[in-house]
């Protein structure tokens, strides 16, 4: 006799675009659908229920085996649910216009969170939400400029200097190789070649434009907003991890960006500089196609912007193009 009366099962039900969860007790899937549709004011015909976790549709048989307080999603005829990943998409869309609310909510969660893993996730979320990339002037984002010389009044000016400073370091490596050349004659020709490249690099302002978001599209490595994307390791066409960063956004991102590398695909110290020195053993500097070496050492033709994780420090095994090392001889008339 008592078997005629089924014990109601309590579940947590929510809509696709709702964060609020409703506790509903039902003895069957049919009863749950009726109560859920009435509570959320959606049409019953065509409505169905899925598991929140993975989007699996709940049947009557499945309903019988649901655990207590199972999290479910009510969907109308034309709606779909692929699991909790859908919430991530909703969160990303929500963040565009409700950043302050998200920051407040994340801070509230962080304050009471004990799990180190969840604290890290929430901390990273807060870091990315606290974005001031739309500001440019020093007076509008003093925190970003902490530790930066007062002569820099805009973010773009500093980022341009930052890139130029890196490229200056490459020139120091090239120039510093000269004393290791034993032959005085070769050393002299080497210095002549370096002088040519130095003049061109100075005229290009050390290619600082690569990090300047105010430069024209082809001259910069970032978007107009200041987002940089990892271009992948030297032996890959793209970054498999899809690393990206906006150093214009906040001070922490600016500091973290300093760990990203402008990596030479054909290596600077192992390959390019020694190849230049060897080419001058039996040739004058006037015979050398120094523009080719310049492009390998200082331009995007051979430089890739890479996240520190994608920066492979082992030997790349790539060589200079022997057909481009020397200037092409002019044909006789």
C-alpha atoms as a PDB file:
ATOM      1  CA  UNK A   1       0.000   0.000   0.000  1.00  0.00           C
ATOM      2  CA  UNK A   2       2.765   2.414   0.922  1.00  0.00           C
ATOM      3  CA  UNK A   3       4.463   1.682  -2.415  1.00  0.00           C
ATOM      4  CA  UNK A   4       1.683   3.616  -4.167  1.00  0.00           C
ATOM      5  CA  UNK A   5       3.054   6.846  -2.764  1.00  0.00           C
ATOM      6  CA  UNK A   6       6.353   7.908  -4.339  1.00  0.00           C
ATOM      7  CA  UNK A   7       8.709  10.014  -2.321  1.00  0.00           C
ATOM      8  CA  UNK A   8       9.263  13.423  -4.012  1.00  0.00           C
ATOM      9  CA  UNK A   9      12.779  14.103  -5.267  1.00  0.00           C
ATOM     10  CA  UNK A  10      14.241  17.542  -4.559  1.00  0.00           C
ATOM     11  CA  UNK A  11      16.271  19.105  -7.382  1.00  0.00           C
ATOM     12  CA  UNK A  12      17.712  22.527  -8.226  1.00  0.00           C
ATOM     13  CA  UNK A  13      16.311  23.916 -11.452  1.00  0.00           C
ATOM     14  CA  UNK A  14      17.326  27.017 -13.389  1.00  0.00           C
ATOM     15  CA  UNK A  15      16.727  28.562 -16.797  1.00  0.00           C
ATOM     16  CA  UNK A  16      19.329  28.971 -19.537  1.00  0.00           C
ATOM     17  CA  UNK A  17      19.880  32.676 -18.928  1.00  0.00           C
ATOM     18  CA  UNK A  18      19.174  32.718 -15.213  1.00  0.00           C
ATOM     19  CA  UNK A  19      21.571  32.469 -12.317  1.00  0.00           C
ATOM     20  CA  UNK A  20      18.780  31.917  -9.805  1.00  0.00           C
ATOM     21  CA  UNK A  21      18.115  28.284  -8.906  1.00  0.00           C
ATOM     22  CA  UNK A  22      14.731  27.006  -7.775  1.00  0.00           C
ATOM     23  CA  UNK A  23      14.351  24.120  -5.349  1.00  0.00           C
ATOM     24  CA  UNK A  24      11.565  21.935  -6.690  1.00  0.00           C
ATOM     25  CA  UNK A  25      10.240  18.636  -5.362  1.00  0.00           C
ATOM     26  CA  UNK A  26       8.696  16.235  -7.891  1.00  0.00           C
ATOM     27  CA  UNK A  27       7.931  12.519  -8.133  1.00  0.00           C
ATOM     28  CA  UNK A  28       8.427  12.352 -11.910  1.00  0.00           C
ATOM     29  CA  UNK A  29       9.992  14.198 -14.814  1.00  0.00           C
ATOM     30  CA  UNK A  30       6.515  15.118 -16.067  1.00  0.00           C
ATOM     31  CA  UNK A  31       5.656  16.733 -12.741  1.00  0.00           C
ATOM     32  CA  UNK A  32       8.981  18.546 -12.649  1.00  0.00           C
ATOM     33  CA  UNK A  33       8.424  19.959 -16.135  1.00  0.00           C
ATOM     34  CA  UNK A  34       4.983  21.235 -15.251  1.00  0.00           C
ATOM     35  CA  UNK A  35       6.149  22.872 -12.022  1.00  0.00           C
ATOM     36  CA  UNK A  36       9.289  24.308 -13.630  1.00  0.00           C
ATOM     37  CA  UNK A  37       7.453  25.815 -16.623  1.00  0.00           C
ATOM     38  CA  UNK A  38       4.843  27.352 -14.360  1.00  0.00           C
ATOM     39  CA  UNK A  39       7.450  28.819 -12.006  1.00  0.00           C
ATOM     40  CA  UNK A  40       9.598  30.267 -14.802  1.00  0.00           C
ATOM     41  CA  UNK A  41       6.598  31.209 -16.950  1.00  0.00           C
ATOM     42  CA  UNK A  42       7.675  29.376 -20.092  1.00  0.00           C
ATOM     43  CA  UNK A  43       5.476  27.260 -22.429  1.00  0.00           C
ATOM     44  CA  UNK A  44       5.284  23.570 -21.558  1.00  0.00           C
ATOM     45  CA  UNK A  45       5.041  22.133 -25.127  1.00  0.00           C
ATOM     46  CA  UNK A  46       8.527  21.209 -26.360  1.00  0.00           C
ATOM     47  CA  UNK A  47      10.220  22.027 -23.053  1.00  0.00           C
ATOM     48  CA  UNK A  48      12.815  19.595 -21.757  1.00  0.00           C
ATOM     49  CA  UNK A  49      15.328  19.267 -18.939  1.00  0.00           C
ATOM     50  CA  UNK A  50      19.085  18.674 -19.085  1.00  0.00           C
ATOM     51  CA  UNK A  51      21.853  18.078 -16.581  1.00  0.00           C
ATOM     52  CA  UNK A  52      23.659  21.317 -15.766  1.00  0.00           C
ATOM     53  CA  UNK A  53      27.047  19.590 -15.779  1.00  0.00           C
ATOM     54  CA  UNK A  54      27.211  18.130 -19.290  1.00  0.00           C
ATOM     55  CA  UNK A  55      23.900  18.921 -21.017  1.00  0.00           C
ATOM     56  CA  UNK A  56      22.643  15.315 -21.098  1.00  0.00           C
ATOM     57  CA  UNK A  57      18.856  15.263 -21.498  1.00  0.00           C
ATOM     58  CA  UNK A  58      16.932  13.875 -18.541  1.00  0.00           C
ATOM     59  CA  UNK A  59      14.412  11.107 -19.282  1.00  0.00           C
ATOM     60  CA  UNK A  60      11.858   9.534 -16.926  1.00  0.00           C
ATOM     61  CA  UNK A  61      14.215   6.621 -16.261  1.00  0.00           C
ATOM     62  CA  UNK A  62      17.134   9.009 -15.746  1.00  0.00           C
ATOM     63  CA  UNK A  63      15.016  11.047 -13.352  1.00  0.00           C
ATOM     64  CA  UNK A  64      14.510   8.026 -11.080  1.00  0.00           C
ATOM     65  CA  UNK A  65      18.284   7.776 -10.537  1.00  0.00           C
ATOM     66  CA  UNK A  66      19.030  11.448 -10.059  1.00  0.00           C
ATOM     67  CA  UNK A  67      20.907  12.257  -6.837  1.00  0.00           C
ATOM     68  CA  UNK A  68      19.402  14.534  -4.201  1.00  0.00           C
ATOM     69  CA  UNK A  69      19.760  18.240  -5.098  1.00  0.00           C
ATOM     70  CA  UNK A  70      20.887  17.483  -8.663  1.00  0.00           C
ATOM     71  CA  UNK A  71      21.446  20.669 -10.695  1.00  0.00           C
ATOM     72  CA  UNK A  72      19.236  20.797 -13.785  1.00  0.00           C
ATOM     73  CA  UNK A  73      18.457  23.265 -16.574  1.00  0.00           C
ATOM     74  CA  UNK A  74      14.998  23.866 -18.032  1.00  0.00           C
ATOM     75  CA  UNK A  75      15.002  24.551 -21.770  1.00  0.00           C
ATOM     76  CA  UNK A  76      12.260  25.623 -24.117  1.00  0.00           C
ATOM     77  CA  UNK A  77      11.714  24.058 -27.550  1.00  0.00           C
ATOM     78  CA  UNK A  78      14.446  25.993 -29.409  1.00  0.00           C
ATOM     79  CA  UNK A  79      17.029  26.200 -26.621  1.00  0.00           C
ATOM     80  CA  UNK A  80      20.082  23.993 -26.102  1.00  0.00           C
ATOM     81  CA  UNK A  81      22.572  23.443 -23.299  1.00  0.00           C
ATOM     82  CA  UNK A  82      26.076  21.994 -23.671  1.00  0.00           C
ATOM     83  CA  UNK A  83      26.912  21.900 -20.008  1.00  0.00           C
ATOM     84  CA  UNK A  84      28.503  24.367 -17.619  1.00  0.00           C
ATOM     85  CA  UNK A  85      30.762  25.665 -20.417  1.00  0.00           C
ATOM     86  CA  UNK A  86      27.696  27.615 -21.567  1.00  0.00           C
ATOM     87  CA  UNK A  87      27.956  29.613 -18.369  1.00  0.00           C
ATOM     88  CA  UNK A  88      31.467  30.661 -19.363  1.00  0.00           C
ATOM     89  CA  UNK A  89      30.116  32.092 -22.609  1.00  0.00           C
ATOM     90  CA  UNK A  90      27.389  33.933 -20.714  1.00  0.00           C
ATOM     91  CA  UNK A  91      29.969  35.261 -18.261  1.00  0.00           C
ATOM     92  CA  UNK A  92      32.183  36.585 -21.063  1.00  0.00           C
ATOM     93  CA  UNK A  93      29.227  38.348 -22.650  1.00  0.00           C
ATOM     94  CA  UNK A  94      28.089  39.708 -19.299  1.00  0.00           C
ATOM     95  CA  UNK A  95      31.563  41.111 -18.518  1.00  0.00           C
ATOM     96  CA  UNK A  96      31.413  43.575 -21.424  1.00  0.00           C
ATOM     97  CA  UNK A  97      28.824  45.772 -19.730  1.00  0.00           C
ATOM     98  CA  UNK A  98      28.870  44.789 -16.057  1.00  0.00           C
ATOM     99  CA  UNK A  99      32.553  44.759 -15.117  1.00  0.00           C
ATOM    100  CA  UNK A 100      32.111  46.528 -11.766  1.00  0.00           C
ATOM    101  CA  UNK A 101      29.452  44.036 -10.663  1.00  0.00           C
ATOM    102  CA  UNK A 102      31.636  41.092 -11.657  1.00  0.00           C
ATOM    103  CA  UNK A 103      34.628  42.511  -9.778  1.00  0.00           C
ATOM    104  CA  UNK A 104      32.515  42.984  -6.652  1.00  0.00           C
ATOM    105  CA  UNK A 105      31.127  39.438  -6.908  1.00  0.00           C
ATOM    106  CA  UNK A 106      34.587  37.923  -7.500  1.00  0.00           C
ATOM    107  CA  UNK A 107      36.011  39.850  -4.527  1.00  0.00           C
ATOM    108  CA  UNK A 108      33.175  38.588  -2.317  1.00  0.00           C
ATOM    109  CA  UNK A 109      33.836  35.000  -3.392  1.00  0.00           C
ATOM    110  CA  UNK A 110      37.582  35.395  -2.938  1.00  0.00           C
ATOM    111  CA  UNK A 111      37.183  36.711   0.603  1.00  0.00           C
ATOM    112  CA  UNK A 112      35.529  33.504   1.777  1.00  0.00           C
ATOM    113  CA  UNK A 113      37.336  31.001  -0.439  1.00  0.00           C
ATOM    114  CA  UNK A 114      39.754  28.553   1.194  1.00  0.00           C
ATOM    115  CA  UNK A 115      40.696  26.434  -1.809  1.00  0.00           C
ATOM    116  CA  UNK A 116      44.051  27.574  -3.211  1.00  0.00           C
ATOM    117  CA  UNK A 117      43.051  26.458  -6.699  1.00  0.00           C
ATOM    118  CA  UNK A 118      39.826  28.457  -6.658  1.00  0.00           C
ATOM    119  CA  UNK A 119      41.608  31.460  -5.157  1.00  0.00           C
ATOM    120  CA  UNK A 120      44.039  31.359  -8.085  1.00  0.00           C
ATOM    121  CA  UNK A 121      41.184  31.199 -10.620  1.00  0.00           C
ATOM    122  CA  UNK A 122      39.328  34.071  -8.961  1.00  0.00           C
ATOM    123  CA  UNK A 123      42.549  36.083  -8.675  1.00  0.00           C
ATOM    124  CA  UNK A 124      43.260  35.652 -12.391  1.00  0.00           C
ATOM    125  CA  UNK A 125      39.690  36.673 -13.208  1.00  0.00           C
ATOM    126  CA  UNK A 126      40.023  39.840 -11.122  1.00  0.00           C
ATOM    127  CA  UNK A 127      43.369  40.618 -12.729  1.00  0.00           C
ATOM    128  CA  UNK A 128      41.819  40.513 -16.202  1.00  0.00           C
ATOM    129  CA  UNK A 129      38.678  42.392 -15.206  1.00  0.00           C
ATOM    130  CA  UNK A 130      40.638  45.295 -13.724  1.00  0.00           C
ATOM    131  CA  UNK A 131      41.514  46.680 -17.125  1.00  0.00           C
ATOM    132  CA  UNK A 132      42.397  50.305 -17.848  1.00  0.00           C
ATOM    133  CA  UNK A 133      43.587  49.766 -21.397  1.00  0.00           C
ATOM    134  CA  UNK A 134      41.315  52.523 -22.706  1.00  0.00           C
ATOM    135  CA  UNK A 135      43.393  55.118 -20.831  1.00  0.00           C
ATOM    136  CA  UNK A 136      46.577  56.448 -22.384  1.00  0.00           C
ATOM    137  CA  UNK A 137      47.751  59.474 -20.425  1.00  0.00           C
ATOM    138  CA  UNK A 138      49.840  59.151 -17.267  1.00  0.00           C
ATOM    139  CA  UNK A 139      47.515  61.396 -15.288  1.00  0.00           C
ATOM    140  CA  UNK A 140      44.600  59.022 -15.933  1.00  0.00           C
ATOM    141  CA  UNK A 141      46.329  55.823 -14.739  1.00  0.00           C
ATOM    142  CA  UNK A 142      49.091  56.666 -12.275  1.00  0.00           C
ATOM    143  CA  UNK A 143      49.267  53.081 -10.999  1.00  0.00           C
ATOM    144  CA  UNK A 144      50.304  51.798 -14.451  1.00  0.00           C
ATOM    145  CA  UNK A 145      53.289  54.184 -14.482  1.00  0.00           C
ATOM    146  CA  UNK A 146      54.692  53.177 -11.078  1.00  0.00           C
ATOM    147  CA  UNK A 147      58.465  52.707 -11.413  1.00  0.00           C
ATOM    148  CA  UNK A 148      58.580  54.352 -14.860  1.00  0.00           C
ATOM    149  CA  UNK A 149      60.634  57.475 -15.508  1.00  0.00           C
ATOM    150  CA  UNK A 150      58.586  60.676 -15.365  1.00  0.00           C
ATOM    151  CA  UNK A 151      59.581  61.650 -18.909  1.00  0.00           C
ATOM    152  CA  UNK A 152      57.070  59.119 -20.237  1.00  0.00           C
ATOM    153  CA  UNK A 153      53.654  60.794 -20.353  1.00  0.00           C
ATOM    154  CA  UNK A 154      51.735  58.123 -22.294  1.00  0.00           C
ATOM    155  CA  UNK A 155      51.579  54.329 -22.266  1.00  0.00           C
ATOM    156  CA  UNK A 156      52.346  54.102 -25.973  1.00  0.00           C
ATOM    157  CA  UNK A 157      55.481  56.215 -25.598  1.00  0.00           C
ATOM    158  CA  UNK A 158      56.802  53.912 -22.877  1.00  0.00           C
ATOM    159  CA  UNK A 159      55.914  50.727 -24.781  1.00  0.00           C
ATOM    160  CA  UNK A 160      57.666  52.093 -27.869  1.00  0.00           C
ATOM    161  CA  UNK A 161      60.759  52.784 -25.772  1.00  0.00           C
ATOM    162  CA  UNK A 162      60.506  49.324 -24.209  1.00  0.00           C
ATOM    163  CA  UNK A 163      60.592  47.618 -27.597  1.00  0.00           C
ATOM    164  CA  UNK A 164      63.363  49.872 -28.883  1.00  0.00           C
ATOM    165  CA  UNK A 165      65.400  49.054 -25.800  1.00  0.00           C
ATOM    166  CA  UNK A 166      65.147  45.330 -26.541  1.00  0.00           C
ATOM    167  CA  UNK A 167      66.298  45.884 -30.115  1.00  0.00           C
ATOM    168  CA  UNK A 168      69.180  48.056 -28.904  1.00  0.00           C
ATOM    169  CA  UNK A 169      70.286  45.040 -26.901  1.00  0.00           C
ATOM    170  CA  UNK A 170      70.444  42.995 -30.100  1.00  0.00           C
ATOM    171  CA  UNK A 171      72.692  45.613 -31.663  1.00  0.00           C
ATOM    172  CA  UNK A 172      74.972  45.491 -28.609  1.00  0.00           C
ATOM    173  CA  UNK A 173      75.340  41.749 -29.164  1.00  0.00           C
ATOM    174  CA  UNK A 174      76.263  42.331 -32.796  1.00  0.00           C
ATOM    175  CA  UNK A 175      78.718  45.097 -31.955  1.00  0.00           C
ATOM    176  CA  UNK A 176      80.189  43.130 -29.056  1.00  0.00           C
ATOM    177  CA  UNK A 177      81.180  40.252 -31.337  1.00  0.00           C
ATOM    178  CA  UNK A 178      83.850  42.313 -33.132  1.00  0.00           C
ATOM    179  CA  UNK A 179      86.652  41.850 -30.550  1.00  0.00           C
ATOM    180  CA  UNK A 180      86.404  38.066 -30.930  1.00  0.00           C
ATOM    181  CA  UNK A 181      87.382  38.285 -34.620  1.00  0.00           C
ATOM    182  CA  UNK A 182      91.130  37.587 -34.749  1.00  0.00           C
ATOM    183  CA  UNK A 183      91.905  39.036 -38.156  1.00  0.00           C
ATOM    184  CA  UNK A 184      92.277  42.818 -37.956  1.00  0.00           C
ATOM    185  CA  UNK A 185      91.226  43.136 -41.592  1.00  0.00           C
ATOM    186  CA  UNK A 186      88.068  41.072 -41.143  1.00  0.00           C
ATOM    187  CA  UNK A 187      87.302  42.939 -37.922  1.00  0.00           C
ATOM    188  CA  UNK A 188      87.524  46.250 -39.745  1.00  0.00           C
ATOM    189  CA  UNK A 189      85.162  45.065 -42.505  1.00  0.00           C
ATOM    190  CA  UNK A 190      82.816  43.671 -39.871  1.00  0.00           C
ATOM    191  CA  UNK A 191      82.662  47.053 -38.128  1.00  0.00           C
ATOM    192  CA  UNK A 192      81.908  48.790 -41.426  1.00  0.00           C
ATOM    193  CA  UNK A 193      78.961  46.438 -41.964  1.00  0.00           C
ATOM    194  CA  UNK A 194      77.725  46.977 -38.399  1.00  0.00           C
ATOM    195  CA  UNK A 195      77.938  50.747 -38.887  1.00  0.00           C
ATOM    196  CA  UNK A 196      75.631  50.489 -41.915  1.00  0.00           C
ATOM    197  CA  UNK A 197      73.088  48.488 -39.949  1.00  0.00           C
ATOM    198  CA  UNK A 198      73.329  50.852 -36.984  1.00  0.00           C
ATOM    199  CA  UNK A 199      72.502  53.881 -39.115  1.00  0.00           C
ATOM    200  CA  UNK A 200      69.483  52.157 -40.599  1.00  0.00           C
ATOM    201  CA  UNK A 201      68.298  50.979 -37.172  1.00  0.00           C
ATOM    202  CA  UNK A 202      68.604  54.480 -35.725  1.00  0.00           C
ATOM    203  CA  UNK A 203      66.580  55.870 -38.622  1.00  0.00           C
ATOM    204  CA  UNK A 204      63.893  53.268 -37.852  1.00  0.00           C
ATOM    205  CA  UNK A 205      63.993  54.334 -34.170  1.00  0.00           C
ATOM    206  CA  UNK A 206      65.032  50.812 -33.236  1.00  0.00           C
ATOM    207  CA  UNK A 207      61.709  49.458 -34.485  1.00  0.00           C
ATOM    208  CA  UNK A 208      60.005  50.536 -31.291  1.00  0.00           C
ATOM    209  CA  UNK A 209      56.817  50.755 -33.359  1.00  0.00           C
ATOM    210  CA  UNK A 210      56.268  47.013 -32.845  1.00  0.00           C
ATOM    211  CA  UNK A 211      54.910  47.605 -29.310  1.00  0.00           C
ATOM    212  CA  UNK A 212      53.213  50.960 -29.986  1.00  0.00           C
ATOM    213  CA  UNK A 213      49.454  50.558 -30.362  1.00  0.00           C
ATOM    214  CA  UNK A 214      49.197  54.006 -31.976  1.00  0.00           C
ATOM    215  CA  UNK A 215      51.281  52.910 -34.963  1.00  0.00           C
ATOM    216  CA  UNK A 216      49.658  51.839 -38.223  1.00  0.00           C
ATOM    217  CA  UNK A 217      48.512  48.218 -38.376  1.00  0.00           C
ATOM    218  CA  UNK A 218      51.383  46.710 -40.428  1.00  0.00           C
ATOM    219  CA  UNK A 219      53.986  48.312 -38.145  1.00  0.00           C
ATOM    220  CA  UNK A 220      52.742  46.991 -34.800  1.00  0.00           C
ATOM    221  CA  UNK A 221      52.418  43.588 -33.185  1.00  0.00           C
ATOM    222  CA  UNK A 222      49.289  44.435 -31.190  1.00  0.00           C
ATOM    223  CA  UNK A 223      45.693  45.462 -31.758  1.00  0.00           C
ATOM    224  CA  UNK A 224      44.556  49.080 -31.441  1.00  0.00           C
ATOM    225  CA  UNK A 225      43.479  48.229 -27.880  1.00  0.00           C
ATOM    226  CA  UNK A 226      46.954  46.909 -27.054  1.00  0.00           C
ATOM    227  CA  UNK A 227      46.390  43.138 -27.127  1.00  0.00           C
ATOM    228  CA  UNK A 228      49.389  40.999 -28.069  1.00  0.00           C
ATOM    229  CA  UNK A 229      49.090  37.366 -29.139  1.00  0.00           C
ATOM    230  CA  UNK A 230      51.858  34.796 -28.865  1.00  0.00           C
ATOM    231  CA  UNK A 231      53.063  33.793 -32.333  1.00  0.00           C
ATOM    232  CA  UNK A 232      54.174  30.347 -31.218  1.00  0.00           C
ATOM    233  CA  UNK A 233      57.574  28.702 -30.889  1.00  0.00           C
ATOM    234  CA  UNK A 234      60.148  29.140 -33.655  1.00  0.00           C
ATOM    235  CA  UNK A 235      59.154  25.801 -35.221  1.00  0.00           C
ATOM    236  CA  UNK A 236      55.384  26.347 -35.078  1.00  0.00           C
ATOM    237  CA  UNK A 237      53.013  28.370 -37.253  1.00  0.00           C
ATOM    238  CA  UNK A 238      50.950  29.547 -34.262  1.00  0.00           C
ATOM    239  CA  UNK A 239      50.654  29.346 -30.498  1.00  0.00           C
ATOM    240  CA  UNK A 240      48.839  26.152 -29.523  1.00  0.00           C
ATOM    241  CA  UNK A 241      47.985  27.592 -26.095  1.00  0.00           C
ATOM    242  CA  UNK A 242      46.581  30.839 -27.561  1.00  0.00           C
ATOM    243  CA  UNK A 243      48.539  32.992 -25.107  1.00  0.00           C
ATOM    244  CA  UNK A 244      47.573  36.653 -25.138  1.00  0.00           C
ATOM    245  CA  UNK A 245      48.187  39.710 -22.968  1.00  0.00           C
ATOM    246  CA  UNK A 246      47.406  43.417 -22.870  1.00  0.00           C
ATOM    247  CA  UNK A 247      50.277  45.245 -21.132  1.00  0.00           C
ATOM    248  CA  UNK A 248      48.324  48.492 -21.575  1.00  0.00           C
ATOM    249  CA  UNK A 249      45.613  47.174 -19.237  1.00  0.00           C
ATOM    250  CA  UNK A 250      47.263  47.352 -15.815  1.00  0.00           C
ATOM    251  CA  UNK A 251      50.650  47.489 -14.123  1.00  0.00           C
ATOM    252  CA  UNK A 252      50.803  43.745 -13.444  1.00  0.00           C
ATOM    253  CA  UNK A 253      50.221  42.932 -17.119  1.00  0.00           C
ATOM    254  CA  UNK A 254      52.895  45.449 -18.117  1.00  0.00           C
ATOM    255  CA  UNK A 255      55.387  43.748 -15.811  1.00  0.00           C
ATOM    256  CA  UNK A 256      54.393  40.248 -16.956  1.00  0.00           C
ATOM    257  CA  UNK A 257      54.834  41.308 -20.582  1.00  0.00           C
ATOM    258  CA  UNK A 258      58.533  41.821 -19.888  1.00  0.00           C
ATOM    259  CA  UNK A 259      58.830  38.000 -19.712  1.00  0.00           C
ATOM    260  CA  UNK A 260      57.603  37.673 -23.306  1.00  0.00           C
ATOM    261  CA  UNK A 261      60.404  37.367 -25.854  1.00  0.00           C
ATOM    262  CA  UNK A 262      61.127  38.661 -29.318  1.00  0.00           C
ATOM    263  CA  UNK A 263      62.674  35.385 -30.392  1.00  0.00           C
ATOM    264  CA  UNK A 264      64.972  35.037 -33.408  1.00  0.00           C
ATOM    265  CA  UNK A 265      63.850  32.066 -35.515  1.00  0.00           C
ATOM    266  CA  UNK A 266      67.292  31.895 -37.094  1.00  0.00           C
ATOM    267  CA  UNK A 267      69.342  32.439 -33.957  1.00  0.00           C
ATOM    268  CA  UNK A 268      71.215  35.660 -33.392  1.00  0.00           C
ATOM    269  CA  UNK A 269      74.284  34.475 -31.469  1.00  0.00           C
ATOM    270  CA  UNK A 270      74.492  30.884 -32.678  1.00  0.00           C
ATOM    271  CA  UNK A 271      73.907  31.514 -36.366  1.00  0.00           C
ATOM    272  CA  UNK A 272      73.431  35.024 -37.792  1.00  0.00           C
ATOM    273  CA  UNK A 273      76.395  36.887 -36.257  1.00  0.00           C
ATOM    274  CA  UNK A 274      78.917  34.062 -36.882  1.00  0.00           C
ATOM    275  CA  UNK A 275      77.633  33.733 -40.469  1.00  0.00           C
ATOM    276  CA  UNK A 276      78.245  37.441 -41.048  1.00  0.00           C
ATOM    277  CA  UNK A 277      81.781  37.191 -39.677  1.00  0.00           C
ATOM    278  CA  UNK A 278      82.565  34.129 -41.852  1.00  0.00           C
ATOM    279  CA  UNK A 279      81.231  35.870 -44.959  1.00  0.00           C
ATOM    280  CA  UNK A 280      83.740  38.689 -44.431  1.00  0.00           C
ATOM    281  CA  UNK A 281      86.801  36.434 -44.292  1.00  0.00           C
ATOM    282  CA  UNK A 282      87.235  36.537 -48.047  1.00  0.00           C
ATOM    283  CA  UNK A 283      85.016  39.482 -48.941  1.00  0.00           C
ATOM    284  CA  UNK A 284      84.815  43.193 -48.324  1.00  0.00           C
ATOM    285  CA  UNK A 285      81.918  44.778 -46.495  1.00  0.00           C
ATOM    286  CA  UNK A 286      80.791  46.248 -49.813  1.00  0.00           C
ATOM    287  CA  UNK A 287      80.177  42.702 -51.072  1.00  0.00           C
ATOM    288  CA  UNK A 288      77.903  41.778 -48.195  1.00  0.00           C
ATOM    289  CA  UNK A 289      74.126  42.020 -48.451  1.00  0.00           C
ATOM    290  CA  UNK A 290      73.918  43.655 -45.062  1.00  0.00           C
ATOM    291  CA  UNK A 291      70.231  44.456 -45.577  1.00  0.00           C
ATOM    292  CA  UNK A 292      69.568  40.717 -45.370  1.00  0.00           C
ATOM    293  CA  UNK A 293      71.432  40.418 -42.066  1.00  0.00           C
ATOM    294  CA  UNK A 294      69.654  43.526 -40.807  1.00  0.00           C
ATOM    295  CA  UNK A 295      66.274  41.945 -41.523  1.00  0.00           C
ATOM    296  CA  UNK A 296      67.245  38.779 -39.663  1.00  0.00           C
ATOM    297  CA  UNK A 297      68.596  40.602 -36.633  1.00  0.00           C
ATOM    298  CA  UNK A 298      66.144  43.443 -36.133  1.00  0.00           C
ATOM    299  CA  UNK A 299      62.866  42.946 -38.001  1.00  0.00           C
ATOM    300  CA  UNK A 300      59.700  40.879 -37.929  1.00  0.00           C
ATOM    301  CA  UNK A 301      60.993  38.891 -40.893  1.00  0.00           C
ATOM    302  CA  UNK A 302      62.893  36.757 -38.369  1.00  0.00           C
ATOM    303  CA  UNK A 303      61.493  37.874 -34.991  1.00  0.00           C
ATOM    304  CA  UNK A 304      58.524  36.182 -33.314  1.00  0.00           C
ATOM    305  CA  UNK A 305      56.801  37.487 -30.204  1.00  0.00           C
ATOM    306  CA  UNK A 306      56.436  34.518 -27.849  1.00  0.00           C
ATOM    307  CA  UNK A 307      55.136  33.823 -24.366  1.00  0.00           C
ATOM    308  CA  UNK A 308      57.889  32.582 -22.053  1.00  0.00           C
ATOM    309  CA  UNK A 309      56.383  29.075 -22.097  1.00  0.00           C
ATOM    310  CA  UNK A 310      56.644  28.990 -25.917  1.00  0.00           C
ATOM    311  CA  UNK A 311      60.242  30.234 -25.924  1.00  0.00           C
ATOM    312  CA  UNK A 312      62.371  27.197 -26.788  1.00  0.00           C
ATOM    313  CA  UNK A 313      65.967  27.789 -25.785  1.00  0.00           C
ATOM    314  CA  UNK A 314      67.499  24.751 -27.449  1.00  0.00           C
ATOM    315  CA  UNK A 315      69.358  25.090 -30.756  1.00  0.00           C
ATOM    316  CA  UNK A 316      66.913  25.974 -33.531  1.00  0.00           C
ATOM    317  CA  UNK A 317      68.975  24.377 -36.274  1.00  0.00           C
ATOM    318  CA  UNK A 318      67.988  26.983 -38.879  1.00  0.00           C
ATOM    319  CA  UNK A 319      70.603  28.525 -41.176  1.00  0.00           C
ATOM    320  CA  UNK A 320      70.972  31.749 -43.120  1.00  0.00           C
ATOM    321  CA  UNK A 321      70.072  31.626 -46.804  1.00  0.00           C
ATOM    322  CA  UNK A 322      73.413  31.309 -48.620  1.00  0.00           C
ATOM    323  CA  UNK A 323      71.893  32.911 -51.732  1.00  0.00           C
ATOM    324  CA  UNK A 324      71.170  36.126 -49.837  1.00  0.00           C
ATOM    325  CA  UNK A 325      74.433  36.626 -47.940  1.00  0.00           C
ATOM    326  CA  UNK A 326      76.237  38.456 -50.752  1.00  0.00           C
ATOM    327  CA  UNK A 327      75.066  41.224 -53.042  1.00  0.00           C
ATOM    328  CA  UNK A 328      74.060  40.090 -56.488  1.00  0.00           C
ATOM    329  CA  UNK A 329      76.738  40.847 -59.031  1.00  0.00           C
ATOM    330  CA  UNK A 330      75.734  43.316 -61.722  1.00  0.00           C
ATOM    331  CA  UNK A 331      75.767  41.890 -65.227  1.00  0.00           C
ATOM    332  CA  UNK A 332      78.188  43.348 -67.723  1.00  0.00           C
ATOM    333  CA  UNK A 333      76.790  45.583 -70.466  1.00  0.00           C
END
